Amino acid sequence: MRFTGVNHLAMATGDMDATIRYWRDLLGMRLVAGLGHPGYRHYFFELTDSDMIAFFEWPGVTPGPDKDHGAPVRGPFTFDHISFGVEADEDLWTLRDRLDAAGFWVSEVVDHGFIHSIYSFDPNNIAVEFSAPVSGVNLRAHPVMADSAPTARAAEGPEPRPGAWPSPGRPTPPEDRRVYPGEGLRLVGQEPEDDGSGPRHV
């Protein structure tokens, strides 16, 4: 098995129009799909041929609290920021000028050794980063562990370790492999039928 990328990262907003203006009109990501009914929307923006970022619109959602990228926090927390790859430094300067002209705060270009990055926030206060590769540095081909005190598991190396988790007792037999209807069927002209037998997610 090989993963092909992030199919979509699902975020949330209380203002879909402001979100569309930012992600589609400012950053240039096509709005390729939309689901919705009163009180609910789920829109998808194209990042690459295989990756998308999506937003739910829920009434009452407000922008997240102010927090700089990578700043430590305490208590319940799951998401810090998302970094989007671009091809070259020239793209970073284009994005930086575009964000600045639109009135969004944007950082200077930062050299991280393996990438150059700029940082900003979308209208929902989602922390975003844009990163360009540094020529001659390929961490995928040559992984590096620069932690001075890596955890025990990290010290084992970059490759998955067979046997670290229990293997399935047996694969799910074909007769038990059921695909349940989801809201996304509306995008292909089908109406999902809710028979109460399983979950419906997008």
C-alpha atoms as a PDB file:
ATOM      1  CA  MET A   1       0.000   0.000   0.000  1.00  0.00           C
ATOM      2  CA  ARG A   2       1.185   3.519  -0.804  1.00  0.00           C
ATOM      3  CA  PHE A   3      -0.601   6.726   0.153  1.00  0.00           C
ATOM      4  CA  THR A   4      -1.190   9.142  -2.715  1.00  0.00           C
ATOM      5  CA  GLY A   5      -1.409  12.383  -0.738  1.00  0.00           C
ATOM      6  CA  VAL A   6      -3.981  14.222   1.349  1.00  0.00           C
ATOM      7  CA  ASN A   7      -7.279  13.732  -0.474  1.00  0.00           C
ATOM      8  CA  HIS A   8      -8.774  16.570   1.517  1.00  0.00           C
ATOM      9  CA  LEU A   9      -8.196  18.368   4.793  1.00  0.00           C
ATOM     10  CA  ALA A  10     -11.541  19.427   6.282  1.00  0.00           C
ATOM     11  CA  MET A  11     -11.706  22.725   8.179  1.00  0.00           C
ATOM     12  CA  ALA A  12     -14.669  24.818   9.387  1.00  0.00           C
ATOM     13  CA  THR A  13     -15.896  28.361   8.786  1.00  0.00           C
ATOM     14  CA  GLY A  14     -18.842  30.546   9.697  1.00  0.00           C
ATOM     15  CA  ASP A  15     -18.464  32.630   6.516  1.00  0.00           C
ATOM     16  CA  MET A  16     -18.143  30.598   3.337  1.00  0.00           C
ATOM     17  CA  ASP A  17     -18.084  33.629   1.050  1.00  0.00           C
ATOM     18  CA  ALA A  18     -15.078  35.128   2.850  1.00  0.00           C
ATOM     19  CA  THR A  19     -13.430  31.707   2.707  1.00  0.00           C
ATOM     20  CA  ILE A  20     -14.065  31.422  -1.051  1.00  0.00           C
ATOM     21  CA  ARG A  21     -12.695  34.901  -1.674  1.00  0.00           C
ATOM     22  CA  TYR A  22      -9.480  33.949   0.132  1.00  0.00           C
ATOM     23  CA  TRP A  23      -8.819  30.403  -1.081  1.00  0.00           C
ATOM     24  CA  ARG A  24     -10.203  30.714  -4.622  1.00  0.00           C
ATOM     25  CA  ASP A  25      -9.840  34.375  -5.571  1.00  0.00           C
ATOM     26  CA  LEU A  26      -6.706  35.326  -3.617  1.00  0.00           C
ATOM     27  CA  LEU A  27      -4.721  32.069  -3.603  1.00  0.00           C
ATOM     28  CA  GLY A  28      -6.060  30.776  -6.924  1.00  0.00           C
ATOM     29  CA  MET A  29      -7.389  27.371  -5.806  1.00  0.00           C
ATOM     30  CA  ARG A  30     -10.369  26.260  -7.904  1.00  0.00           C
ATOM     31  CA  LEU A  31     -13.645  25.595  -6.090  1.00  0.00           C
ATOM     32  CA  VAL A  32     -14.251  22.118  -7.505  1.00  0.00           C
ATOM     33  CA  ALA A  33     -17.169  20.781  -5.442  1.00  0.00           C
ATOM     34  CA  GLY A  34     -19.880  21.925  -3.087  1.00  0.00           C
ATOM     35  CA  LEU A  35     -22.486  20.202  -0.961  1.00  0.00           C
ATOM     36  CA  GLY A  36     -25.152  21.921   1.055  1.00  0.00           C
ATOM     37  CA  HIS A  37     -28.595  22.301   2.528  1.00  0.00           C
ATOM     38  CA  PRO A  38     -29.993  24.727   5.128  1.00  0.00           C
ATOM     39  CA  GLY A  39     -27.571  24.930   8.040  1.00  0.00           C
ATOM     40  CA  TYR A  40     -24.823  22.967   6.293  1.00  0.00           C
ATOM     41  CA  ARG A  41     -22.282  23.430   3.519  1.00  0.00           C
ATOM     42  CA  HIS A  42     -19.158  21.488   2.538  1.00  0.00           C
ATOM     43  CA  TYR A  43     -17.003  23.013  -0.228  1.00  0.00           C
ATOM     44  CA  PHE A  44     -13.781  21.672  -1.748  1.00  0.00           C
ATOM     45  CA  PHE A  45     -10.856  23.668  -3.184  1.00  0.00           C
ATOM     46  CA  GLU A  46      -8.313  22.086  -5.533  1.00  0.00           C
ATOM     47  CA  LEU A  47      -4.734  22.197  -4.275  1.00  0.00           C
ATOM     48  CA  THR A  48      -3.066  19.716  -6.661  1.00  0.00           C
ATOM     49  CA  ASP A  49      -4.232  16.958  -8.985  1.00  0.00           C
ATOM     50  CA  SER A  50      -4.739  14.740  -5.932  1.00  0.00           C
ATOM     51  CA  ASP A  51      -5.045  17.077  -2.915  1.00  0.00           C
ATOM     52  CA  MET A  52      -7.848  19.378  -1.742  1.00  0.00           C
ATOM     53  CA  ILE A  53      -8.698  21.542   1.235  1.00  0.00           C
ATOM     54  CA  ALA A  54     -12.351  21.569   2.259  1.00  0.00           C
ATOM     55  CA  PHE A  55     -14.484  23.732   4.517  1.00  0.00           C
ATOM     56  CA  PHE A  56     -17.696  23.051   6.374  1.00  0.00           C
ATOM     57  CA  GLU A  57     -19.851  26.114   6.981  1.00  0.00           C
ATOM     58  CA  TRP A  58     -21.660  25.838  10.304  1.00  0.00           C
ATOM     59  CA  PRO A  59     -23.819  28.605  11.797  1.00  0.00           C
ATOM     60  CA  GLY A  60     -22.200  30.114  14.861  1.00  0.00           C
ATOM     61  CA  VAL A  61     -18.610  29.147  14.008  1.00  0.00           C
ATOM     62  CA  THR A  62     -16.231  32.028  14.696  1.00  0.00           C
ATOM     63  CA  PRO A  63     -12.555  32.449  13.736  1.00  0.00           C
ATOM     64  CA  GLY A  64     -10.115  30.590  15.941  1.00  0.00           C
ATOM     65  CA  PRO A  65      -8.152  32.304  18.713  1.00  0.00           C
ATOM     66  CA  ASP A  66      -4.957  34.157  17.937  1.00  0.00           C
ATOM     67  CA  LYS A  67      -1.982  31.789  18.058  1.00  0.00           C
ATOM     68  CA  ASP A  68       1.294  32.045  16.213  1.00  0.00           C
ATOM     69  CA  HIS A  69       2.473  29.113  14.108  1.00  0.00           C
ATOM     70  CA  GLY A  70       4.195  26.572  16.336  1.00  0.00           C
ATOM     71  CA  ALA A  71       3.567  28.452  19.584  1.00  0.00           C
ATOM     72  CA  PRO A  72       3.085  25.918  22.426  1.00  0.00           C
ATOM     73  CA  VAL A  73      -0.312  25.677  24.115  1.00  0.00           C
ATOM     74  CA  ARG A  74      -1.824  23.701  26.992  1.00  0.00           C
ATOM     75  CA  GLY A  75      -5.089  21.821  27.293  1.00  0.00           C
ATOM     76  CA  PRO A  76      -7.201  20.207  24.558  1.00  0.00           C
ATOM     77  CA  PHE A  77      -5.661  20.925  21.170  1.00  0.00           C
ATOM     78  CA  THR A  78      -5.204  19.072  17.866  1.00  0.00           C
ATOM     79  CA  PHE A  79      -4.239  21.430  15.030  1.00  0.00           C
ATOM     80  CA  ASP A  80      -1.442  23.985  14.688  1.00  0.00           C
ATOM     81  CA  HIS A  81      -1.021  24.986  11.033  1.00  0.00           C
ATOM     82  CA  ILE A  82      -0.991  23.689   7.474  1.00  0.00           C
ATOM     83  CA  SER A  83       1.869  24.200   5.018  1.00  0.00           C
ATOM     84  CA  PHE A  84       1.238  24.318   1.275  1.00  0.00           C
ATOM     85  CA  GLY A  85       4.107  23.510  -1.055  1.00  0.00           C
ATOM     86  CA  VAL A  86       5.021  25.800  -3.946  1.00  0.00           C
ATOM     87  CA  GLU A  87       7.632  25.225  -6.631  1.00  0.00           C
ATOM     88  CA  ALA A  88      10.147  28.009  -6.003  1.00  0.00           C
ATOM     89  CA  ASP A  89      11.052  31.085  -3.957  1.00  0.00           C
ATOM     90  CA  GLU A  90       9.580  33.271  -6.694  1.00  0.00           C
ATOM     91  CA  ASP A  91       6.165  31.832  -5.812  1.00  0.00           C
ATOM     92  CA  LEU A  92       6.685  32.816  -2.167  1.00  0.00           C
ATOM     93  CA  TRP A  93       7.343  36.423  -3.139  1.00  0.00           C
ATOM     94  CA  THR A  94       4.294  36.419  -5.427  1.00  0.00           C
ATOM     95  CA  LEU A  95       2.106  35.110  -2.608  1.00  0.00           C
ATOM     96  CA  ARG A  96       3.643  37.481  -0.080  1.00  0.00           C
ATOM     97  CA  ASP A  97       2.924  40.504  -2.285  1.00  0.00           C
ATOM     98  CA  ARG A  98      -0.598  39.257  -3.010  1.00  0.00           C
ATOM     99  CA  LEU A  99      -1.451  38.676   0.668  1.00  0.00           C
ATOM    100  CA  ASP A 100       0.034  42.007   1.712  1.00  0.00           C
ATOM    101  CA  ALA A 101      -1.898  43.887  -0.982  1.00  0.00           C
ATOM    102  CA  ALA A 102      -5.119  42.215   0.192  1.00  0.00           C
ATOM    103  CA  GLY A 103      -4.556  43.409   3.765  1.00  0.00           C
ATOM    104  CA  PHE A 104      -3.538  40.096   5.344  1.00  0.00           C
ATOM    105  CA  TRP A 105      -0.605  39.915   7.740  1.00  0.00           C
ATOM    106  CA  VAL A 106       2.239  37.938   6.182  1.00  0.00           C
ATOM    107  CA  SER A 107       5.684  37.127   7.536  1.00  0.00           C
ATOM    108  CA  GLU A 108       9.076  37.658   5.991  1.00  0.00           C
ATOM    109  CA  VAL A 109      10.591  34.714   4.104  1.00  0.00           C
ATOM    110  CA  VAL A 110      12.140  32.284   6.600  1.00  0.00           C
ATOM    111  CA  ASP A 111      14.986  29.870   5.769  1.00  0.00           C
ATOM    112  CA  HIS A 112      14.428  26.485   7.446  1.00  0.00           C
ATOM    113  CA  GLY A 113      17.338  24.778   5.703  1.00  0.00           C
ATOM    114  CA  PHE A 114      15.235  22.319   3.721  1.00  0.00           C
ATOM    115  CA  ILE A 115      12.443  24.780   2.821  1.00  0.00           C
ATOM    116  CA  HIS A 116      11.894  28.533   2.620  1.00  0.00           C
ATOM    117  CA  SER A 117       8.555  29.618   4.077  1.00  0.00           C
ATOM    118  CA  ILE A 118       6.167  32.493   4.636  1.00  0.00           C
ATOM    119  CA  TYR A 119       3.385  32.495   7.231  1.00  0.00           C
ATOM    120  CA  SER A 120      -0.067  34.065   7.320  1.00  0.00           C
ATOM    121  CA  PHE A 121      -3.670  33.517   8.470  1.00  0.00           C
ATOM    122  CA  ASP A 122      -6.853  32.998   6.454  1.00  0.00           C
ATOM    123  CA  PRO A 123     -10.125  34.851   7.275  1.00  0.00           C
ATOM    124  CA  ASN A 124     -11.012  32.072   9.760  1.00  0.00           C
ATOM    125  CA  ASN A 125      -7.706  32.660  11.603  1.00  0.00           C
ATOM    126  CA  ILE A 126      -6.378  29.325  10.343  1.00  0.00           C
ATOM    127  CA  ALA A 127      -2.591  29.425  10.461  1.00  0.00           C
ATOM    128  CA  VAL A 128      -1.200  28.801   6.971  1.00  0.00           C
ATOM    129  CA  GLU A 129       2.339  28.405   5.687  1.00  0.00           C
ATOM    130  CA  PHE A 130       3.640  28.335   2.119  1.00  0.00           C
ATOM    131  CA  SER A 131       6.903  26.472   1.546  1.00  0.00           C
ATOM    132  CA  ALA A 132       9.348  26.252  -1.357  1.00  0.00           C
ATOM    133  CA  PRO A 133      11.992  23.500  -1.557  1.00  0.00           C
ATOM    134  CA  VAL A 134      15.691  24.258  -1.135  1.00  0.00           C
ATOM    135  CA  SER A 135      17.743  22.959  -4.046  1.00  0.00           C
ATOM    136  CA  GLY A 136      19.860  19.932  -3.209  1.00  0.00           C
ATOM    137  CA  VAL A 137      18.011  19.063   0.008  1.00  0.00           C
ATOM    138  CA  ASN A 138      15.636  16.086  -0.127  1.00  0.00           C
ATOM    139  CA  LEU A 139      14.533  14.783   3.270  1.00  0.00           C
ATOM    140  CA  ARG A 140      12.409  12.094   1.657  1.00  0.00           C
ATOM    141  CA  ALA A 141      15.442  10.620  -0.074  1.00  0.00           C
ATOM    142  CA  HIS A 142      17.788  11.290   2.850  1.00  0.00           C
ATOM    143  CA  PRO A 143      15.889  11.466   6.174  1.00  0.00           C
ATOM    144  CA  VAL A 144      17.553  13.417   8.987  1.00  0.00           C
ATOM    145  CA  MET A 145      16.858  13.192  12.732  1.00  0.00           C
ATOM    146  CA  ALA A 146      18.274  16.398  14.235  1.00  0.00           C
ATOM    147  CA  ASP A 147      16.601  16.020  17.640  1.00  0.00           C
ATOM    148  CA  SER A 148      19.366  16.071  20.276  1.00  0.00           C
ATOM    149  CA  ALA A 149      17.313  13.696  22.443  1.00  0.00           C
ATOM    150  CA  PRO A 150      14.971  11.733  20.156  1.00  0.00           C
ATOM    151  CA  THR A 151      12.273   9.528  21.613  1.00  0.00           C
ATOM    152  CA  ALA A 152      12.941   5.805  21.739  1.00  0.00           C
ATOM    153  CA  ARG A 153      10.663   5.150  18.781  1.00  0.00           C
ATOM    154  CA  ALA A 154      12.170   7.973  16.717  1.00  0.00           C
ATOM    155  CA  ALA A 155      15.648   6.560  17.332  1.00  0.00           C
ATOM    156  CA  GLU A 156      14.577   3.339  15.594  1.00  0.00           C
ATOM    157  CA  GLY A 157      14.843   5.108  12.237  1.00  0.00           C
ATOM    158  CA  PRO A 158      12.553   6.392   9.483  1.00  0.00           C
ATOM    159  CA  GLU A 159      11.157   3.139   8.104  1.00  0.00           C
ATOM    160  CA  PRO A 160       7.927   1.484   9.300  1.00  0.00           C
ATOM    161  CA  ARG A 161       8.675  -1.415  11.647  1.00  0.00           C
ATOM    162  CA  PRO A 162       6.867  -4.662  10.815  1.00  0.00           C
ATOM    163  CA  GLY A 163       5.318  -6.285  13.851  1.00  0.00           C
ATOM    164  CA  ALA A 164       5.004  -3.071  15.854  1.00  0.00           C
ATOM    165  CA  TRP A 165       1.223  -3.537  15.870  1.00  0.00           C
ATOM    166  CA  PRO A 166      -0.929  -6.666  15.861  1.00  0.00           C
ATOM    167  CA  SER A 167      -1.804  -7.892  12.389  1.00  0.00           C
ATOM    168  CA  PRO A 168      -5.475  -8.415  11.509  1.00  0.00           C
ATOM    169  CA  GLY A 169      -6.717 -11.874  12.366  1.00  0.00           C
ATOM    170  CA  ARG A 170      -8.188 -12.199   8.902  1.00  0.00           C
ATOM    171  CA  PRO A 171      -9.131  -9.786   6.124  1.00  0.00           C
ATOM    172  CA  THR A 172     -12.754  -8.690   5.905  1.00  0.00           C
ATOM    173  CA  PRO A 173     -14.374 -11.222   3.558  1.00  0.00           C
ATOM    174  CA  PRO A 174     -15.810  -9.841   0.305  1.00  0.00           C
ATOM    175  CA  GLU A 175     -19.391 -10.615   1.350  1.00  0.00           C
ATOM    176  CA  ASP A 176     -18.995  -8.323   4.392  1.00  0.00           C
ATOM    177  CA  ARG A 177     -17.463  -5.386   2.500  1.00  0.00           C
ATOM    178  CA  ARG A 178     -20.251  -2.831   2.328  1.00  0.00           C
ATOM    179  CA  VAL A 179     -19.937   0.763   1.107  1.00  0.00           C
ATOM    180  CA  TYR A 180     -22.448   3.059   2.818  1.00  0.00           C
ATOM    181  CA  PRO A 181     -24.101   6.037   1.078  1.00  0.00           C
ATOM    182  CA  GLY A 182     -22.653   9.460   1.865  1.00  0.00           C
ATOM    183  CA  GLU A 183     -23.613  13.065   1.147  1.00  0.00           C
ATOM    184  CA  GLY A 184     -21.055  13.207  -1.676  1.00  0.00           C
ATOM    185  CA  LEU A 185     -23.327  11.079  -3.880  1.00  0.00           C
ATOM    186  CA  ARG A 186     -25.152  14.325  -4.666  1.00  0.00           C
ATOM    187  CA  LEU A 187     -22.057  15.483  -6.571  1.00  0.00           C
ATOM    188  CA  VAL A 188     -22.576  12.679  -9.091  1.00  0.00           C
ATOM    189  CA  GLY A 189     -26.330  13.129  -9.427  1.00  0.00           C
ATOM    190  CA  GLN A 190     -27.419  10.486  -6.927  1.00  0.00           C
ATOM    191  CA  GLU A 191     -29.570  10.882  -3.842  1.00  0.00           C
ATOM    192  CA  PRO A 192     -28.166   9.091  -0.785  1.00  0.00           C
ATOM    193  CA  GLU A 193     -30.699   6.737   0.728  1.00  0.00           C
ATOM    194  CA  ASP A 194     -30.691   6.624   4.510  1.00  0.00           C
ATOM    195  CA  ASP A 195     -31.746   3.152   5.581  1.00  0.00           C
ATOM    196  CA  GLY A 196     -30.434   3.674   9.103  1.00  0.00           C
ATOM    197  CA  SER A 197     -27.886   0.904   8.699  1.00  0.00           C
ATOM    198  CA  GLY A 198     -24.690   2.903   8.880  1.00  0.00           C
ATOM    199  CA  PRO A 199     -22.875   6.237   9.003  1.00  0.00           C
ATOM    200  CA  ARG A 200     -23.004   8.981   6.395  1.00  0.00           C
ATOM    201  CA  HIS A 201     -19.870  11.080   6.222  1.00  0.00           C
ATOM    202  CA  VAL A 202     -18.109  13.239   3.660  1.00  0.00           C
END
